[in-house]
Amino acid sequence: MSDKVLIIEDEPTLARLVSYNLSQEGYEAEVVGNGAQGLHQALHSDYAIIFLDLMLPGLSGFEVLQKLRENGVKTPVIILTAKTAEEEVVQGLKLGADDYITKPFGVAELLARTSAVLRRTRNEDSKPSKSEGGDKVITLGDLQIYPDKYEVFTNGQWITLRPKEFEVLLYLAERPGIVITRDDLMNVVWGFDYIGGQRTVDVHVSSLRKKLELNQQTVQIESIRGVGYKLIVSRSGRTGGK
C-alpha cells in the first residue's frame, strides 16, 4: 500500500508539481487549496506526511500547524516557504514542523527531504521501549531524564519537549561540560542525510533552553560563539545515572 500524503497549497501550479512528482515516486497525493479544509483533512484522515504552505487563504499555515500539534497530530510536516522568509521558517519549526523547503525548489530536493523526514520519523516510532522497572534515568541537577521513554521531569513535574528537543538535550546531557558543535548535533539528531541548515539546530536549542529555564535553575545550555553548545550543571546540582 502506498504512502498517502497531504499537500495544503493554494498555488495550483506548485500544488500540481508537488503532487505529480510525489505520485511518480509511488505516493498517493491529495491536494487541498485552503487552510480550513487542510486542517479538517489532516485531523480526520491518516497521512504519512503533510506539505504545508504558510501563506494560505482562511487559516494560515501557522494556524493549521499549531492546531494540529495542539490536537495531538504527530504526522510529520514539511513547510513550504519563500526563499527569503527566514522568520517564517523559524516560527514554523518552533510550532512543530519537521523540515522546510524554500521556493522555488527542484524535484530532487523535494524527494530527498520527503524520504529523509519519513525515514527519521519512522525510526523514532520503531525505537523499543523498556519495562517500567528497567528504565534508565540520567540525573542532572534538578532534571531526571528517561532516555527510553523520551520524558524529562523536574521536581516531579513533566517538562513537555518535542522529540528533537529531547534528543538534543539527551546528547548534551550525556556529555556535560563538553562543547558540542552544531555539525555534531545535526548529524546525530537529524542524521547525516539531513539537508537543512544549522539554523534548525539553533532554533531547537533556543526553544529547549527557554523550557529548561522556565522549569528549573541548575541545568543550563551555554552558547559557544561560532562553535556550538555545552550543557552546564551548577554546583547545587549533581550528575549521575543508573
C-alpha atoms as a PDB file:
ATOM      1  CA  MET A   1       0.000   0.000   0.000  1.00  0.00           C
ATOM      2  CA  SER A   2       1.408   3.391  -0.995  1.00  0.00           C
ATOM      3  CA  ASP A   3       2.010   6.206   1.485  1.00  0.00           C
ATOM      4  CA  LYS A   4      -0.741   8.827   1.463  1.00  0.00           C
ATOM      5  CA  VAL A   5       0.429  12.437   1.595  1.00  0.00           C
ATOM      6  CA  LEU A   6      -1.495  15.690   2.005  1.00  0.00           C
ATOM      7  CA  ILE A   7      -0.496  18.854   0.131  1.00  0.00           C
ATOM      8  CA  ILE A   8      -2.016  22.058   1.534  1.00  0.00           C
ATOM      9  CA  GLU A   9      -1.097  24.649  -1.100  1.00  0.00           C
ATOM     10  CA  ASP A  10      -3.217  27.361  -2.732  1.00  0.00           C
ATOM     11  CA  GLU A  11      -0.966  27.928  -5.759  1.00  0.00           C
ATOM     12  CA  PRO A  12      -2.356  25.469  -8.361  1.00  0.00           C
ATOM     13  CA  THR A  13       0.809  25.182 -10.446  1.00  0.00           C
ATOM     14  CA  LEU A  14       3.006  24.400  -7.461  1.00  0.00           C
ATOM     15  CA  ALA A  15       0.441  22.026  -5.976  1.00  0.00           C
ATOM     16  CA  ARG A  16       0.260  20.088  -9.261  1.00  0.00           C
ATOM     17  CA  LEU A  17       4.055  19.968  -9.486  1.00  0.00           C
ATOM     18  CA  VAL A  18       4.434  18.558  -5.968  1.00  0.00           C
ATOM     19  CA  SER A  19       1.539  16.139  -6.436  1.00  0.00           C
ATOM     20  CA  TYR A  20       2.758  14.852  -9.793  1.00  0.00           C
ATOM     21  CA  ASN A  21       6.335  14.236  -8.695  1.00  0.00           C
ATOM     22  CA  LEU A  22       5.310  12.513  -5.463  1.00  0.00           C
ATOM     23  CA  SER A  23       2.833  10.354  -7.389  1.00  0.00           C
ATOM     24  CA  GLN A  24       5.610   9.360  -9.778  1.00  0.00           C
ATOM     25  CA  GLU A  25       7.535   8.065  -6.762  1.00  0.00           C
ATOM     26  CA  GLY A  26       4.616   5.927  -5.629  1.00  0.00           C
ATOM     27  CA  TYR A  27       2.970   8.246  -3.099  1.00  0.00           C
ATOM     28  CA  GLU A  28      -0.791   8.763  -3.086  1.00  0.00           C
ATOM     29  CA  ALA A  29      -1.134  12.535  -3.113  1.00  0.00           C
ATOM     30  CA  GLU A  30      -4.156  14.623  -2.076  1.00  0.00           C
ATOM     31  CA  VAL A  31      -4.269  18.379  -2.681  1.00  0.00           C
ATOM     32  CA  VAL A  32      -6.216  20.963  -0.651  1.00  0.00           C
ATOM     33  CA  GLY A  33      -6.246  24.662  -1.514  1.00  0.00           C
ATOM     34  CA  ASN A  34      -7.042  26.385   1.790  1.00  0.00           C
ATOM     35  CA  GLY A  35      -6.123  26.171   5.442  1.00  0.00           C
ATOM     36  CA  ALA A  36      -9.504  25.261   6.934  1.00  0.00           C
ATOM     37  CA  GLN A  37     -10.068  22.339   4.589  1.00  0.00           C
ATOM     38  CA  GLY A  38      -6.473  21.216   5.014  1.00  0.00           C
ATOM     39  CA  LEU A  39      -6.851  21.199   8.797  1.00  0.00           C
ATOM     40  CA  HIS A  40     -10.063  19.178   8.524  1.00  0.00           C
ATOM     41  CA  GLN A  41      -8.427  16.607   6.266  1.00  0.00           C
ATOM     42  CA  ALA A  42      -5.353  16.321   8.486  1.00  0.00           C
ATOM     43  CA  LEU A  43      -7.459  15.851  11.622  1.00  0.00           C
ATOM     44  CA  HIS A  44      -9.777  13.226  10.152  1.00  0.00           C
ATOM     45  CA  SER A  45      -7.528  11.166   7.842  1.00  0.00           C
ATOM     46  CA  ASP A  46      -4.213   9.397   8.262  1.00  0.00           C
ATOM     47  CA  TYR A  47      -1.263  10.640   6.220  1.00  0.00           C
ATOM     48  CA  ALA A  48       2.379   9.666   6.117  1.00  0.00           C
ATOM     49  CA  ILE A  49       3.430  13.295   5.683  1.00  0.00           C
ATOM     50  CA  ILE A  50       1.911  16.752   5.166  1.00  0.00           C
ATOM     51  CA  PHE A  51       3.272  19.518   2.916  1.00  0.00           C
ATOM     52  CA  LEU A  52       2.064  22.851   4.249  1.00  0.00           C
ATOM     53  CA  ASP A  53       2.224  26.262   2.595  1.00  0.00           C
ATOM     54  CA  LEU A  54       2.384  29.039   5.167  1.00  0.00           C
ATOM     55  CA  MET A  55       0.536  31.752   3.233  1.00  0.00           C
ATOM     56  CA  LEU A  56      -2.937  30.246   2.837  1.00  0.00           C
ATOM     57  CA  PRO A  57      -6.424  31.778   2.493  1.00  0.00           C
ATOM     58  CA  GLY A  58      -8.564  31.443   5.574  1.00  0.00           C
ATOM     59  CA  LEU A  59      -6.425  29.758   8.207  1.00  0.00           C
ATOM     60  CA  SER A  60      -2.720  30.420   7.727  1.00  0.00           C
ATOM     61  CA  GLY A  61      -0.214  27.587   7.642  1.00  0.00           C
ATOM     62  CA  PHE A  62       0.972  28.629  11.101  1.00  0.00           C
ATOM     63  CA  GLU A  63      -2.557  28.283  12.489  1.00  0.00           C
ATOM     64  CA  VAL A  64      -3.025  24.913  10.814  1.00  0.00           C
ATOM     65  CA  LEU A  65       0.255  23.615  12.216  1.00  0.00           C
ATOM     66  CA  GLN A  66      -0.443  24.906  15.720  1.00  0.00           C
ATOM     67  CA  LYS A  67      -3.918  23.342  15.791  1.00  0.00           C
ATOM     68  CA  LEU A  68      -2.576  20.018  14.526  1.00  0.00           C
ATOM     69  CA  ARG A  69       0.015  19.810  17.283  1.00  0.00           C
ATOM     70  CA  GLU A  70      -2.465  21.005  19.941  1.00  0.00           C
ATOM     71  CA  ASN A  71      -4.775  18.166  18.881  1.00  0.00           C
ATOM     72  CA  GLY A  72      -2.005  15.603  19.209  1.00  0.00           C
ATOM     73  CA  VAL A  73      -1.477  15.017  15.479  1.00  0.00           C
ATOM     74  CA  LYS A  74       2.132  13.888  15.149  1.00  0.00           C
ATOM     75  CA  THR A  75       2.159  13.469  11.360  1.00  0.00           C
ATOM     76  CA  PRO A  76       5.450  14.910  10.048  1.00  0.00           C
ATOM     77  CA  VAL A  77       5.054  18.305   8.377  1.00  0.00           C
ATOM     78  CA  ILE A  78       7.283  19.906   5.762  1.00  0.00           C
ATOM     79  CA  ILE A  79       6.549  23.606   5.393  1.00  0.00           C
ATOM     80  CA  LEU A  80       6.769  25.356   2.016  1.00  0.00           C
ATOM     81  CA  THR A  81       8.071  28.893   2.299  1.00  0.00           C
ATOM     82  CA  ALA A  82       9.583  31.747   0.304  1.00  0.00           C
ATOM     83  CA  LYS A  83      13.346  31.713  -0.068  1.00  0.00           C
ATOM     84  CA  THR A  84      13.839  34.973   1.860  1.00  0.00           C
ATOM     85  CA  ALA A  85      11.411  34.219   4.697  1.00  0.00           C
ATOM     86  CA  GLU A  86      13.782  33.048   7.448  1.00  0.00           C
ATOM     87  CA  GLU A  87      11.457  34.297  10.192  1.00  0.00           C
ATOM     88  CA  GLU A  88       8.686  32.099   8.783  1.00  0.00           C
ATOM     89  CA  VAL A  89      10.968  29.078   8.867  1.00  0.00           C
ATOM     90  CA  VAL A  90      11.942  29.729  12.478  1.00  0.00           C
ATOM     91  CA  GLN A  91       8.320  30.189  13.570  1.00  0.00           C
ATOM     92  CA  GLY A  92       7.262  27.039  11.695  1.00  0.00           C
ATOM     93  CA  LEU A  93       9.960  24.944  13.347  1.00  0.00           C
ATOM     94  CA  LYS A  94       9.023  26.283  16.771  1.00  0.00           C
ATOM     95  CA  LEU A  95       5.407  25.269  16.162  1.00  0.00           C
ATOM     96  CA  GLY A  96       6.465  21.708  15.414  1.00  0.00           C
ATOM     97  CA  ALA A  97       7.332  21.452  11.718  1.00  0.00           C
ATOM     98  CA  ASP A  98       9.813  18.688  10.906  1.00  0.00           C
ATOM     99  CA  ASP A  99      11.533  20.340   7.948  1.00  0.00           C
ATOM    100  CA  TYR A 100      11.100  23.062   5.343  1.00  0.00           C
ATOM    101  CA  ILE A 101      11.603  23.620   1.628  1.00  0.00           C
ATOM    102  CA  THR A 102      12.192  27.079   0.219  1.00  0.00           C
ATOM    103  CA  LYS A 103      10.528  28.092  -3.043  1.00  0.00           C
ATOM    104  CA  PRO A 104      11.496  27.623  -5.793  1.00  0.00           C
ATOM    105  CA  PHE A 105      12.792  24.081  -5.277  1.00  0.00           C
ATOM    106  CA  GLY A 106      13.786  21.209  -7.524  1.00  0.00           C
ATOM    107  CA  VAL A 107      12.276  17.762  -7.765  1.00  0.00           C
ATOM    108  CA  ALA A 108      15.413  16.131  -6.352  1.00  0.00           C
ATOM    109  CA  GLU A 109      15.289  18.277  -3.198  1.00  0.00           C
ATOM    110  CA  LEU A 110      11.563  17.615  -2.750  1.00  0.00           C
ATOM    111  CA  LEU A 111      12.002  13.847  -2.942  1.00  0.00           C
ATOM    112  CA  ALA A 112      15.166  13.836  -0.817  1.00  0.00           C
ATOM    113  CA  ARG A 113      13.585  15.814   2.015  1.00  0.00           C
ATOM    114  CA  THR A 114      10.421  13.711   1.886  1.00  0.00           C
ATOM    115  CA  SER A 115      12.400  10.483   2.108  1.00  0.00           C
ATOM    116  CA  ALA A 116      14.637  11.805   4.891  1.00  0.00           C
ATOM    117  CA  VAL A 117      11.742  13.028   7.067  1.00  0.00           C
ATOM    118  CA  LEU A 118       9.827   9.767   6.672  1.00  0.00           C
ATOM    119  CA  ARG A 119      12.917   7.741   7.480  1.00  0.00           C
ATOM    120  CA  ARG A 120      13.670   9.778  10.623  1.00  0.00           C
ATOM    121  CA  THR A 121      10.129   9.710  11.968  1.00  0.00           C
ATOM    122  CA  ARG A 122       9.691   6.006  11.323  1.00  0.00           C
ATOM    123  CA  ASN A 123      12.984   5.221  13.046  1.00  0.00           C
ATOM    124  CA  GLU A 124      11.768   7.187  16.091  1.00  0.00           C
ATOM    125  CA  ASP A 125       8.441   5.339  16.121  1.00  0.00           C
ATOM    126  CA  SER A 126      10.176   1.955  15.945  1.00  0.00           C
ATOM    127  CA  LYS A 127      12.526   2.546  18.888  1.00  0.00           C
ATOM    128  CA  PRO A 128      11.911  -0.161  21.503  1.00  0.00           C
ATOM    129  CA  SER A 129      10.763   0.804  24.983  1.00  0.00           C
ATOM    130  CA  LYS A 130      11.855  -0.888  28.197  1.00  0.00           C
ATOM    131  CA  SER A 131       9.720  -2.135  31.047  1.00  0.00           C
ATOM    132  CA  GLU A 132       8.881   0.306  33.830  1.00  0.00           C
ATOM    133  CA  GLY A 133      11.246  -1.345  36.276  1.00  0.00           C
ATOM    134  CA  GLY A 134      14.247  -1.221  33.956  1.00  0.00           C
ATOM    135  CA  ASP A 135      14.059   2.381  32.797  1.00  0.00           C
ATOM    136  CA  LYS A 136      17.402   4.128  32.639  1.00  0.00           C
ATOM    137  CA  VAL A 137      17.488   7.565  34.240  1.00  0.00           C
ATOM    138  CA  ILE A 138      20.050  10.348  33.915  1.00  0.00           C
ATOM    139  CA  THR A 139      20.040  12.843  36.783  1.00  0.00           C
ATOM    140  CA  LEU A 140      21.474  16.305  36.167  1.00  0.00           C
ATOM    141  CA  GLY A 141      20.810  18.885  38.843  1.00  0.00           C
ATOM    142  CA  ASP A 142      17.035  19.253  39.078  1.00  0.00           C
ATOM    143  CA  LEU A 143      16.430  17.164  35.953  1.00  0.00           C
ATOM    144  CA  GLN A 144      15.608  13.483  35.624  1.00  0.00           C
ATOM    145  CA  ILE A 145      15.896  12.312  32.011  1.00  0.00           C
ATOM    146  CA  TYR A 146      14.428   8.986  30.895  1.00  0.00           C
ATOM    147  CA  PRO A 147      16.063   8.153  27.530  1.00  0.00           C
ATOM    148  CA  ASP A 148      13.873   5.142  26.766  1.00  0.00           C
ATOM    149  CA  LYS A 149      10.605   6.990  27.368  1.00  0.00           C
ATOM    150  CA  TYR A 150      11.531  10.412  25.935  1.00  0.00           C
ATOM    151  CA  GLU A 151      10.494  12.023  29.208  1.00  0.00           C
ATOM    152  CA  VAL A 152      12.053  14.756  31.342  1.00  0.00           C
ATOM    153  CA  PHE A 153      10.998  15.620  34.893  1.00  0.00           C
ATOM    154  CA  THR A 154      11.999  18.309  37.368  1.00  0.00           C
ATOM    155  CA  ASN A 155      10.752  18.312  40.960  1.00  0.00           C
ATOM    156  CA  GLY A 156       8.092  15.802  39.972  1.00  0.00           C
ATOM    157  CA  GLN A 157       6.802  17.953  37.102  1.00  0.00           C
ATOM    158  CA  TRP A 158       6.934  16.757  33.491  1.00  0.00           C
ATOM    159  CA  ILE A 159       8.618  19.109  31.009  1.00  0.00           C
ATOM    160  CA  THR A 160       6.961  18.906  27.600  1.00  0.00           C
ATOM    161  CA  LEU A 161       9.591  18.596  24.873  1.00  0.00           C
ATOM    162  CA  ARG A 162       9.271  17.849  21.182  1.00  0.00           C
ATOM    163  CA  PRO A 163      11.181  14.705  20.050  1.00  0.00           C
ATOM    164  CA  LYS A 164      14.067  16.641  18.514  1.00  0.00           C
ATOM    165  CA  GLU A 165      14.365  18.898  21.565  1.00  0.00           C
ATOM    166  CA  PHE A 166      14.581  15.795  23.736  1.00  0.00           C
ATOM    167  CA  GLU A 167      17.264  14.244  21.527  1.00  0.00           C
ATOM    168  CA  VAL A 168      19.318  17.448  21.628  1.00  0.00           C
ATOM    169  CA  LEU A 169      19.024  17.560  25.432  1.00  0.00           C
ATOM    170  CA  LEU A 170      19.934  13.883  25.766  1.00  0.00           C
ATOM    171  CA  TYR A 171      23.043  14.211  23.602  1.00  0.00           C
ATOM    172  CA  LEU A 172      24.227  17.228  25.623  1.00  0.00           C
ATOM    173  CA  ALA A 173      23.271  15.597  28.952  1.00  0.00           C
ATOM    174  CA  GLU A 174      25.394  12.568  28.174  1.00  0.00           C
ATOM    175  CA  ARG A 175      28.371  14.925  27.719  1.00  0.00           C
ATOM    176  CA  PRO A 176      28.013  17.640  30.412  1.00  0.00           C
ATOM    177  CA  GLY A 177      30.633  20.365  30.234  1.00  0.00           C
ATOM    178  CA  ILE A 178      31.818  19.287  26.781  1.00  0.00           C
ATOM    179  CA  VAL A 179      31.442  21.639  23.821  1.00  0.00           C
ATOM    180  CA  ILE A 180      29.305  20.028  21.113  1.00  0.00           C
ATOM    181  CA  THR A 181      29.446  21.549  17.644  1.00  0.00           C
ATOM    182  CA  ARG A 182      26.358  22.338  15.622  1.00  0.00           C
ATOM    183  CA  ASP A 183      27.506  19.855  12.988  1.00  0.00           C
ATOM    184  CA  ASP A 184      27.708  17.093  15.599  1.00  0.00           C
ATOM    185  CA  LEU A 185      24.203  17.849  16.857  1.00  0.00           C
ATOM    186  CA  MET A 186      22.821  17.966  13.328  1.00  0.00           C
ATOM    187  CA  ASN A 187      24.430  14.678  12.323  1.00  0.00           C
ATOM    188  CA  VAL A 188      23.388  12.832  15.482  1.00  0.00           C
ATOM    189  CA  VAL A 189      19.877  14.213  15.920  1.00  0.00           C
ATOM    190  CA  TRP A 190      18.802  14.868  12.329  1.00  0.00           C
ATOM    191  CA  GLY A 191      21.064  12.412  10.517  1.00  0.00           C
ATOM    192  CA  PHE A 192      23.878  12.721   8.008  1.00  0.00           C
ATOM    193  CA  ASP A 193      21.389  12.909   5.132  1.00  0.00           C
ATOM    194  CA  TYR A 194      19.623  15.984   6.541  1.00  0.00           C
ATOM    195  CA  ILE A 195      19.964  18.814   4.057  1.00  0.00           C
ATOM    196  CA  GLY A 196      18.650  21.679   6.157  1.00  0.00           C
ATOM    197  CA  GLY A 197      20.870  24.375   7.632  1.00  0.00           C
ATOM    198  CA  GLN A 198      22.373  24.839  11.077  1.00  0.00           C
ATOM    199  CA  ARG A 199      19.611  27.346  11.817  1.00  0.00           C
ATOM    200  CA  THR A 200      17.406  24.338  12.565  1.00  0.00           C
ATOM    201  CA  VAL A 201      19.758  23.345  15.386  1.00  0.00           C
ATOM    202  CA  ASP A 202      19.804  26.877  16.799  1.00  0.00           C
ATOM    203  CA  VAL A 203      16.003  27.113  16.780  1.00  0.00           C
ATOM    204  CA  HIS A 204      15.587  23.840  18.672  1.00  0.00           C
ATOM    205  CA  VAL A 205      18.292  24.715  21.203  1.00  0.00           C
ATOM    206  CA  SER A 206      16.710  28.133  21.788  1.00  0.00           C
ATOM    207  CA  SER A 207      13.301  26.561  22.415  1.00  0.00           C
ATOM    208  CA  LEU A 208      14.816  23.889  24.660  1.00  0.00           C
ATOM    209  CA  ARG A 209      16.763  26.468  26.660  1.00  0.00           C
ATOM    210  CA  LYS A 210      13.629  28.520  27.354  1.00  0.00           C
ATOM    211  CA  LYS A 211      11.748  25.453  28.591  1.00  0.00           C
ATOM    212  CA  LEU A 212      14.608  24.477  30.898  1.00  0.00           C
ATOM    213  CA  GLU A 213      14.963  27.989  32.314  1.00  0.00           C
ATOM    214  CA  LEU A 214      11.218  28.177  32.928  1.00  0.00           C
ATOM    215  CA  ASN A 215      11.120  24.943  34.944  1.00  0.00           C
ATOM    216  CA  GLN A 216      14.438  24.701  36.820  1.00  0.00           C
ATOM    217  CA  GLN A 217      17.642  26.617  37.564  1.00  0.00           C
ATOM    218  CA  THR A 218      20.504  24.129  37.912  1.00  0.00           C
ATOM    219  CA  VAL A 219      20.944  22.987  34.300  1.00  0.00           C
ATOM    220  CA  GLN A 220      21.703  25.473  31.538  1.00  0.00           C
ATOM    221  CA  ILE A 221      22.766  25.306  27.894  1.00  0.00           C
ATOM    222  CA  GLU A 222      25.615  27.675  27.151  1.00  0.00           C
ATOM    223  CA  SER A 223      26.297  29.001  23.656  1.00  0.00           C
ATOM    224  CA  ILE A 224      29.891  28.855  22.431  1.00  0.00           C
ATOM    225  CA  ARG A 225      30.134  31.550  19.785  1.00  0.00           C
ATOM    226  CA  GLY A 226      30.958  30.216  16.350  1.00  0.00           C
ATOM    227  CA  VAL A 227      31.216  26.611  17.573  1.00  0.00           C
ATOM    228  CA  GLY A 228      28.153  25.145  19.269  1.00  0.00           C
ATOM    229  CA  TYR A 229      26.813  24.454  22.749  1.00  0.00           C
ATOM    230  CA  LYS A 230      27.604  22.801  26.062  1.00  0.00           C
ATOM    231  CA  LEU A 231      25.456  21.781  28.996  1.00  0.00           C
ATOM    232  CA  ILE A 232      26.369  23.253  32.376  1.00  0.00           C
ATOM    233  CA  VAL A 233      25.238  21.936  35.776  1.00  0.00           C
ATOM    234  CA  SER A 234      25.540  24.420  38.636  1.00  0.00           C
ATOM    235  CA  ARG A 235      27.296  23.485  41.878  1.00  0.00           C
ATOM    236  CA  SER A 236      23.972  22.979  43.579  1.00  0.00           C
ATOM    237  CA  GLY A 237      23.176  20.301  41.036  1.00  0.00           C
ATOM    238  CA  ARG A 238      24.704  16.866  40.665  1.00  0.00           C
ATOM    239  CA  THR A 239      25.246  14.379  37.888  1.00  0.00           C
ATOM    240  CA  GLY A 240      24.682  10.688  37.891  1.00  0.00           C
ATOM    241  CA  GLY A 241      22.739   7.793  36.487  1.00  0.00           C
ATOM    242  CA  LYS A 242      21.847   4.199  36.995  1.00  0.00           C
END
